[in-house]
């Protein structure tokens, strides 16, 4: 079953640190990055199997908290196709 994990952090360094931990911890793939407020608020989205995205999000949030502030994190199992369109839009 496919799922996505969203990790929203304050600061680009925390986002990169969290993303690095996520892709190293499990078999997930980066599908979207959203930067707001000049990069002061960053959301990274990865995709994979439910168990993989859960493990990746746990590792990513832990790593990001060591260097910055985690604002929100969430796993969405079987995201609706419209959600995926939203994430892959230019």
Protein backbone atom coordinates (compact mmCIF):
# COMPACT_ATOMS: atom_id res chain seq x y z
CA UNK A 1 0.00 0.00 0.00
CA UNK A 2 1.39 3.41 -0.96
CA UNK A 3 1.58 6.33 1.44
CA UNK A 4 3.10 9.77 1.75
CA UNK A 5 4.81 11.40 4.71
CA UNK A 6 4.95 15.16 5.21
CA UNK A 7 7.57 16.79 7.41
CA UNK A 8 7.22 20.53 7.97
CA UNK A 9 10.07 22.30 9.70
CA UNK A 10 11.30 25.76 10.45
CA UNK A 11 14.52 26.47 8.48
CA UNK A 12 16.13 24.91 5.44
CA UNK A 13 18.92 23.23 7.43
CA UNK A 14 16.38 21.32 9.52
CA UNK A 15 14.55 20.29 6.33
CA UNK A 16 17.70 18.95 4.69
CA UNK A 17 18.80 17.19 7.87
CA UNK A 18 15.36 15.61 8.26
CA UNK A 19 15.16 14.59 4.61
CA UNK A 20 18.62 13.02 4.74
CA UNK A 21 17.57 10.92 7.73
CA UNK A 22 14.30 9.96 6.02
CA UNK A 23 15.85 8.63 2.83
CA UNK A 24 18.58 6.81 4.76
CA UNK A 25 16.15 5.19 7.21
CA UNK A 26 13.74 3.57 4.75
CA UNK A 27 12.94 2.91 1.12
CA UNK A 28 11.22 6.23 0.36
CA UNK A 29 11.49 8.74 -2.47
CA UNK A 30 11.31 12.53 -2.30
CA UNK A 31 8.34 13.74 -4.37
CA UNK A 32 7.82 17.35 -3.30
CA UNK A 33 9.43 20.28 -1.50
CA UNK A 34 7.48 23.38 -0.54
CA UNK A 35 9.30 26.50 0.68
CA UNK A 36 7.46 29.40 2.28
CA UNK A 37 8.54 32.61 3.94
CA UNK A 38 11.82 32.69 2.06
CA UNK A 39 12.77 29.18 3.14
CA UNK A 40 12.02 29.75 6.80
CA UNK A 41 9.19 27.19 6.61
CA UNK A 42 9.88 24.08 4.54
CA UNK A 43 7.76 20.98 3.92
CA UNK A 44 9.25 17.85 2.40
CA UNK A 45 7.07 15.01 1.13
CA UNK A 46 8.26 11.44 0.59
CA UNK A 47 6.46 8.47 -0.89
CA UNK A 48 6.69 4.72 -0.30
CA UNK A 49 5.02 1.83 1.44
CA UNK A 50 3.16 2.68 4.66
CA UNK A 51 5.69 1.03 6.96
CA UNK A 52 8.58 2.72 5.15
CA UNK A 53 7.12 6.22 5.29
CA UNK A 54 6.28 5.80 8.98
CA UNK A 55 9.85 4.74 9.76
CA UNK A 56 11.25 7.51 7.57
CA UNK A 57 9.09 10.18 9.19
CA UNK A 58 10.07 9.08 12.67
CA UNK A 59 13.77 9.25 11.78
CA UNK A 60 13.38 12.53 9.90
CA UNK A 61 11.49 14.29 12.67
CA UNK A 62 14.03 13.14 15.26
CA UNK A 63 16.96 14.39 13.19
CA UNK A 64 15.28 17.69 12.32
CA UNK A 65 14.49 18.37 16.00
CA UNK A 66 18.20 18.18 16.78
CA UNK A 67 18.98 21.20 14.58
CA UNK A 68 15.68 23.10 14.34
CA UNK A 69 11.98 23.13 15.06
CA UNK A 70 9.51 20.59 13.67
CA UNK A 71 6.17 22.31 13.03
CA UNK A 72 4.14 19.30 11.87
CA UNK A 73 4.51 15.77 10.55
CA UNK A 74 1.92 13.41 9.13
CA UNK A 75 1.55 10.11 7.28
CA UNK A 76 -1.28 9.73 4.77
CA UNK A 77 -1.96 6.17 3.66
CA UNK A 78 -3.48 5.67 0.22
CA UNK A 79 -3.67 9.39 -0.63
CA UNK A 80 -6.46 10.35 -3.00
CA UNK A 81 -5.32 10.97 -6.61
CA UNK A 82 -6.28 14.66 -6.25
CA UNK A 83 -3.86 15.00 -3.36
CA UNK A 84 -1.11 13.58 -5.53
CA UNK A 85 -1.99 16.04 -8.31
CA UNK A 86 -1.63 18.87 -5.80
CA UNK A 87 1.84 17.64 -4.82
CA UNK A 88 3.10 17.18 -8.36
CA UNK A 89 1.83 20.49 -9.76
CA UNK A 90 4.60 22.86 -10.93
